[in-house]
Each structure stands twice: as structure tokens, then as C-alpha cells.
N, C-alpha and C. Protein backbone atom coordinates (compact mmCIF):
# COMPACT_ATOMS: atom_id res chain seq x y z
N MET A 1 58.37 -58.45 18.49
CA MET A 1 56.96 -58.13 18.44
C MET A 1 56.40 -58.71 17.14
N ASN A 2 55.27 -59.41 17.26
CA ASN A 2 54.69 -59.99 16.05
C ASN A 2 53.59 -59.09 15.49
N GLU A 3 53.01 -59.50 14.38
CA GLU A 3 52.01 -58.69 13.69
C GLU A 3 50.76 -58.47 14.56
N ALA A 4 50.35 -59.48 15.31
CA ALA A 4 49.18 -59.34 16.18
C ALA A 4 49.43 -58.29 17.27
N ASP A 5 50.65 -58.26 17.81
CA ASP A 5 51.00 -57.25 18.82
C ASP A 5 50.93 -55.85 18.24
N VAL A 6 51.44 -55.69 17.04
CA VAL A 6 51.44 -54.38 16.38
C VAL A 6 50.00 -53.92 16.15
N LYS A 7 49.15 -54.80 15.67
CA LYS A 7 47.74 -54.43 15.43
C LYS A 7 47.07 -54.04 16.74
N TYR A 8 47.36 -54.77 17.82
CA TYR A 8 46.78 -54.44 19.11
C TYR A 8 47.23 -53.06 19.57
N LEU A 9 48.51 -52.78 19.45
CA LEU A 9 49.06 -51.51 19.91
C LEU A 9 48.61 -50.33 19.05
N GLU A 10 48.25 -50.59 17.81
CA GLU A 10 47.83 -49.52 16.91
C GLU A 10 46.35 -49.18 17.04
N GLN A 11 45.60 -49.93 17.83
CA GLN A 11 44.18 -49.64 18.02
C GLN A 11 44.03 -48.35 18.80
N PRO A 12 43.00 -47.58 18.47
CA PRO A 12 42.79 -46.35 19.24
C PRO A 12 42.47 -46.65 20.70
N ALA A 13 42.89 -45.77 21.58
CA ALA A 13 42.61 -45.94 23.00
C ALA A 13 41.12 -45.78 23.25
N LYS A 14 40.61 -46.56 24.17
CA LYS A 14 39.20 -46.50 24.52
C LYS A 14 38.99 -45.43 25.59
N THR A 15 37.94 -44.65 25.43
CA THR A 15 37.57 -43.69 26.45
C THR A 15 36.61 -44.38 27.42
N LEU A 16 36.97 -44.36 28.68
CA LEU A 16 36.12 -45.00 29.70
C LEU A 16 34.93 -44.11 30.02
N LYS A 17 33.80 -44.75 30.24
CA LYS A 17 32.66 -44.04 30.80
C LYS A 17 32.93 -43.87 32.29
N LEU A 18 32.26 -42.90 32.89
CA LEU A 18 32.42 -42.66 34.32
C LEU A 18 32.07 -43.91 35.13
N SER A 19 31.01 -44.60 34.74
CA SER A 19 30.63 -45.82 35.46
C SER A 19 31.72 -46.88 35.39
N GLU A 20 32.37 -47.01 34.25
CA GLU A 20 33.45 -47.99 34.10
C GLU A 20 34.65 -47.62 34.97
N ALA A 21 34.99 -46.34 34.99
CA ALA A 21 36.12 -45.89 35.80
C ALA A 21 35.85 -46.13 37.29
N ILE A 22 34.61 -45.89 37.73
CA ILE A 22 34.27 -46.13 39.14
C ILE A 22 34.41 -47.61 39.46
N ARG A 23 33.94 -48.48 38.58
CA ARG A 23 34.02 -49.93 38.82
C ARG A 23 35.48 -50.38 38.95
N ILE A 24 36.34 -49.87 38.09
CA ILE A 24 37.76 -50.23 38.14
C ILE A 24 38.38 -49.75 39.46
N GLY A 25 38.16 -48.48 39.77
CA GLY A 25 38.75 -47.91 40.99
C GLY A 25 38.20 -48.51 42.26
N ALA A 26 36.93 -48.94 42.24
CA ALA A 26 36.32 -49.51 43.44
C ALA A 26 36.99 -50.82 43.86
N LYS A 27 37.69 -51.45 42.94
CA LYS A 27 38.40 -52.69 43.26
C LYS A 27 39.73 -52.43 43.97
N MET A 28 40.16 -51.17 43.99
CA MET A 28 41.48 -50.84 44.51
C MET A 28 41.53 -50.62 46.02
N ARG A 29 40.40 -50.19 46.59
CA ARG A 29 40.40 -49.89 48.04
C ARG A 29 38.96 -49.82 48.55
N PRO A 30 38.77 -49.86 49.87
CA PRO A 30 37.42 -49.77 50.44
C PRO A 30 36.78 -48.40 50.17
N GLN A 31 35.48 -48.35 50.34
CA GLN A 31 34.74 -47.11 50.10
C GLN A 31 34.85 -46.16 51.28
N GLY A 32 35.02 -44.89 50.95
CA GLY A 32 35.06 -43.84 51.95
C GLY A 32 33.98 -42.81 51.70
N ARG A 33 33.89 -41.85 52.56
CA ARG A 33 32.88 -40.79 52.48
C ARG A 33 33.53 -39.44 52.70
N LEU A 34 32.93 -38.41 52.14
CA LEU A 34 33.23 -36.99 52.40
C LEU A 34 34.55 -36.49 51.85
N ALA A 35 35.37 -37.33 51.27
CA ALA A 35 36.61 -36.90 50.62
C ALA A 35 36.94 -37.92 49.55
N MET A 36 37.63 -37.47 48.52
CA MET A 36 38.02 -38.42 47.48
C MET A 36 38.82 -39.57 48.08
N PHE A 37 39.78 -39.22 48.94
CA PHE A 37 40.64 -40.21 49.58
C PHE A 37 40.83 -39.84 51.05
N SER A 38 40.57 -40.81 51.91
CA SER A 38 40.76 -40.58 53.34
C SER A 38 40.89 -41.93 54.03
N ASP A 39 41.84 -42.04 54.93
CA ASP A 39 42.06 -43.28 55.70
C ASP A 39 42.21 -44.51 54.81
N GLY A 40 42.86 -44.33 53.67
CA GLY A 40 43.09 -45.45 52.76
C GLY A 40 41.86 -45.87 51.98
N LYS A 41 40.81 -45.05 51.98
CA LYS A 41 39.56 -45.35 51.29
C LYS A 41 39.32 -44.32 50.19
N SER A 42 38.38 -44.64 49.29
CA SER A 42 38.02 -43.69 48.23
C SER A 42 36.51 -43.60 48.09
N CYS A 43 36.03 -42.41 47.75
CA CYS A 43 34.62 -42.22 47.44
C CYS A 43 34.41 -42.59 45.96
N ALA A 44 33.21 -42.39 45.45
CA ALA A 44 32.93 -42.72 44.05
C ALA A 44 33.84 -41.92 43.11
N PHE A 45 34.06 -40.65 43.40
CA PHE A 45 34.94 -39.85 42.55
C PHE A 45 36.40 -40.28 42.68
N GLY A 46 36.82 -40.64 43.88
CA GLY A 46 38.17 -41.14 44.06
C GLY A 46 38.39 -42.43 43.29
N ALA A 47 37.37 -43.30 43.33
CA ALA A 47 37.46 -44.55 42.57
C ALA A 47 37.57 -44.27 41.08
N ALA A 48 36.77 -43.32 40.58
CA ALA A 48 36.84 -42.97 39.17
C ALA A 48 38.21 -42.41 38.81
N TYR A 49 38.74 -41.57 39.67
CA TYR A 49 40.05 -40.96 39.44
C TYR A 49 41.13 -42.03 39.36
N GLU A 50 41.13 -42.95 40.30
CA GLU A 50 42.11 -44.04 40.25
C GLU A 50 41.83 -44.98 39.08
N GLY A 51 40.57 -45.15 38.74
CA GLY A 51 40.19 -46.03 37.65
C GLY A 51 40.75 -45.62 36.30
N ILE A 52 41.01 -44.33 36.14
CA ILE A 52 41.62 -43.86 34.89
C ILE A 52 43.12 -43.63 35.03
N GLY A 53 43.67 -44.02 36.17
CA GLY A 53 45.11 -43.92 36.35
C GLY A 53 45.59 -42.79 37.22
N GLY A 54 44.67 -42.06 37.85
CA GLY A 54 45.08 -41.00 38.77
C GLY A 54 45.74 -41.59 40.01
N ASN A 55 46.57 -40.81 40.65
CA ASN A 55 47.32 -41.29 41.81
C ASN A 55 46.62 -40.95 43.12
N TYR A 56 46.53 -41.95 43.97
CA TYR A 56 45.97 -41.78 45.31
C TYR A 56 46.80 -40.77 46.09
N ARG A 57 46.13 -39.85 46.75
CA ARG A 57 46.81 -38.94 47.68
C ARG A 57 45.88 -38.69 48.85
N GLU A 58 46.27 -39.12 50.02
CA GLU A 58 45.46 -38.99 51.23
C GLU A 58 44.97 -37.55 51.38
N GLY A 59 43.67 -37.42 51.66
CA GLY A 59 43.07 -36.10 51.89
C GLY A 59 42.76 -35.31 50.63
N MET A 60 42.97 -35.89 49.46
CA MET A 60 42.71 -35.18 48.20
C MET A 60 41.22 -34.89 48.06
N HIS A 61 40.90 -33.71 47.54
CA HIS A 61 39.51 -33.31 47.31
C HIS A 61 39.29 -33.06 45.82
N LEU A 62 38.03 -33.01 45.43
CA LEU A 62 37.68 -32.86 44.02
C LEU A 62 38.32 -31.63 43.37
N PHE A 63 38.37 -30.52 44.09
CA PHE A 63 38.90 -29.29 43.49
C PHE A 63 40.40 -29.38 43.20
N GLU A 64 41.05 -30.41 43.67
CA GLU A 64 42.48 -30.58 43.44
C GLU A 64 42.80 -31.42 42.21
N THR A 65 41.78 -31.99 41.56
CA THR A 65 42.02 -32.82 40.38
C THR A 65 42.27 -31.92 39.17
N PRO A 66 42.87 -32.47 38.13
CA PRO A 66 43.05 -31.68 36.92
C PRO A 66 41.71 -31.12 36.45
N SER A 67 41.68 -29.89 35.99
CA SER A 67 40.42 -29.22 35.68
C SER A 67 39.58 -29.95 34.65
N ASP A 68 40.21 -30.67 33.74
CA ASP A 68 39.43 -31.35 32.72
C ASP A 68 38.91 -32.71 33.17
N PHE A 69 39.37 -33.22 34.30
CA PHE A 69 38.99 -34.56 34.72
C PHE A 69 37.50 -34.67 35.01
N PHE A 70 36.96 -33.78 35.82
CA PHE A 70 35.55 -33.84 36.15
C PHE A 70 34.74 -32.73 35.48
N GLY A 71 35.35 -31.99 34.57
CA GLY A 71 34.66 -30.86 33.95
C GLY A 71 33.31 -31.19 33.37
N SER A 72 33.21 -32.23 32.56
CA SER A 72 31.94 -32.56 31.93
C SER A 72 30.93 -33.06 32.96
N VAL A 73 31.40 -33.69 34.02
CA VAL A 73 30.49 -34.18 35.06
C VAL A 73 29.90 -33.02 35.83
N TRP A 74 30.70 -32.00 36.11
CA TRP A 74 30.19 -30.85 36.87
C TRP A 74 29.08 -30.15 36.10
N ARG A 75 29.20 -30.10 34.77
CA ARG A 75 28.24 -29.38 33.96
C ARG A 75 27.03 -30.22 33.56
N ALA A 76 27.15 -31.55 33.62
CA ALA A 76 26.06 -32.43 33.20
C ALA A 76 24.91 -32.36 34.20
N GLY A 77 23.70 -32.46 33.69
CA GLY A 77 22.54 -32.42 34.56
C GLY A 77 21.68 -33.66 34.40
N VAL A 78 21.01 -34.01 35.49
CA VAL A 78 20.07 -35.12 35.47
C VAL A 78 18.96 -34.79 36.47
N ASP A 79 17.73 -34.93 36.04
CA ASP A 79 16.57 -34.64 36.89
C ASP A 79 16.66 -33.25 37.52
N GLY A 80 17.13 -32.28 36.76
CA GLY A 80 17.21 -30.90 37.26
C GLY A 80 18.33 -30.63 38.23
N LYS A 81 19.24 -31.59 38.42
CA LYS A 81 20.36 -31.41 39.35
C LYS A 81 21.66 -31.66 38.60
N TYR A 82 22.74 -31.13 39.13
CA TYR A 82 24.05 -31.43 38.56
C TYR A 82 24.41 -32.87 38.89
N LEU A 83 24.95 -33.55 37.91
CA LEU A 83 25.31 -34.95 38.05
C LEU A 83 26.29 -35.15 39.21
N ALA A 84 27.27 -34.28 39.32
CA ALA A 84 28.27 -34.40 40.39
C ALA A 84 27.61 -34.32 41.77
N ASP A 85 26.65 -33.42 41.92
CA ASP A 85 25.96 -33.30 43.21
C ASP A 85 25.21 -34.57 43.55
N GLU A 86 24.60 -35.19 42.54
CA GLU A 86 23.85 -36.42 42.78
C GLU A 86 24.79 -37.57 43.15
N ILE A 87 25.95 -37.63 42.50
CA ILE A 87 26.93 -38.68 42.84
C ILE A 87 27.40 -38.49 44.28
N LEU A 88 27.72 -37.27 44.65
CA LEU A 88 28.15 -37.00 46.03
C LEU A 88 27.05 -37.35 47.03
N ARG A 89 25.82 -36.99 46.73
CA ARG A 89 24.70 -37.29 47.62
C ARG A 89 24.53 -38.80 47.80
N ARG A 90 24.61 -39.53 46.69
CA ARG A 90 24.44 -40.98 46.76
C ARG A 90 25.58 -41.62 47.56
N ASN A 91 26.80 -41.12 47.38
CA ASN A 91 27.96 -41.69 48.09
C ASN A 91 27.95 -41.32 49.57
N ASP A 92 27.73 -40.06 49.86
CA ASP A 92 27.90 -39.57 51.23
C ASP A 92 26.63 -39.62 52.08
N ASP A 93 25.51 -39.16 51.54
CA ASP A 93 24.29 -39.06 52.33
C ASP A 93 23.50 -40.38 52.35
N ARG A 94 23.31 -40.96 51.18
CA ARG A 94 22.51 -42.19 51.09
C ARG A 94 23.37 -43.43 51.32
N ARG A 95 24.67 -43.24 51.33
CA ARG A 95 25.62 -44.32 51.59
C ARG A 95 25.44 -45.52 50.65
N GLU A 96 25.22 -45.19 49.38
CA GLU A 96 25.15 -46.25 48.37
C GLU A 96 26.56 -46.75 48.08
N THR A 97 26.66 -47.97 47.61
CA THR A 97 27.96 -48.48 47.22
C THR A 97 28.39 -47.81 45.93
N ARG A 98 29.69 -47.81 45.70
CA ARG A 98 30.20 -47.25 44.45
C ARG A 98 29.69 -48.04 43.26
N GLU A 99 29.52 -49.35 43.44
CA GLU A 99 29.01 -50.19 42.36
C GLU A 99 27.56 -49.82 42.02
N SER A 100 26.74 -49.53 43.03
CA SER A 100 25.35 -49.14 42.74
C SER A 100 25.31 -47.75 42.09
N ILE A 101 26.23 -46.89 42.46
CA ILE A 101 26.33 -45.58 41.80
C ILE A 101 26.73 -45.79 40.35
N ALA A 102 27.68 -46.69 40.11
CA ALA A 102 28.09 -47.00 38.73
C ALA A 102 26.92 -47.59 37.94
N ASP A 103 26.13 -48.44 38.56
CA ASP A 103 24.94 -49.00 37.89
C ASP A 103 24.00 -47.90 37.47
N TRP A 104 23.73 -46.96 38.38
CA TRP A 104 22.84 -45.84 38.08
C TRP A 104 23.42 -45.00 36.95
N LEU A 105 24.70 -44.68 37.03
CA LEU A 105 25.33 -43.88 35.98
C LEU A 105 25.24 -44.58 34.62
N GLU A 106 25.50 -45.87 34.61
CA GLU A 106 25.41 -46.63 33.36
C GLU A 106 23.98 -46.57 32.80
N SER A 107 22.99 -46.62 33.67
CA SER A 107 21.59 -46.61 33.22
C SER A 107 21.20 -45.29 32.56
N ILE A 108 21.94 -44.22 32.87
CA ILE A 108 21.63 -42.92 32.25
C ILE A 108 22.70 -42.51 31.22
N GLY A 109 23.56 -43.47 30.85
CA GLY A 109 24.50 -43.23 29.75
C GLY A 109 25.87 -42.76 30.13
N TYR A 110 26.19 -42.76 31.40
CA TYR A 110 27.53 -42.36 31.83
C TYR A 110 28.28 -43.57 32.29
């Protein structure tokens, strides 16, 4: 290992924004609806979960993720609504792409 490798490895880890995690995970599988993972697909939250290194599990739901994974998202609010509810609505009801959801999240700082 050379000096450049050591400097690279000693850098602090970057914390991903939710929008970044969704973009990474969206490249892993097609978009799904109504569950984090179903039929080999992922919703926006499933994409975010995989984007940070979470493991795909068919039929997995949000309440099964580690409690700290979506904690700040559940409590965050935007336009008088919980952020998580708006993400679910955009993914499931309005059938937006995960990339457009990530664009929206990035525009509001997530």
C-alpha cells in the first residue's frame, strides 16, 4: 500500500443523502410499488436501503428495517406532511420514477 492509498483510506466516510442513496439503489433493479421489495423490484425506499448497502429480501417492508435507518425521514416534515408519506405517495400513487423522487428530495435538501 502506498502513501496515496493510506490517505484515501484515512478520509472520513461520507454520509449519503437520501436522494443519493435512492439514485444508487435505483440502478440495481426495476422499480416496484407497495413494498420495499417485491417480484425482484424495489420502491424508492427499497432503492435507498440497497443504496447504502442494505440487503434485498423479497417481501420486505419498511417496518422491518433497522430502526435508525428511516428514523429521521419518518419525523421530517415538508409542506405539512411527513416526508416518508410523501415519498410513498409519489412512488405508489403518482407512479413517479425513483429518479424523479430523488430529484425532488435533492431540491429540498435531502
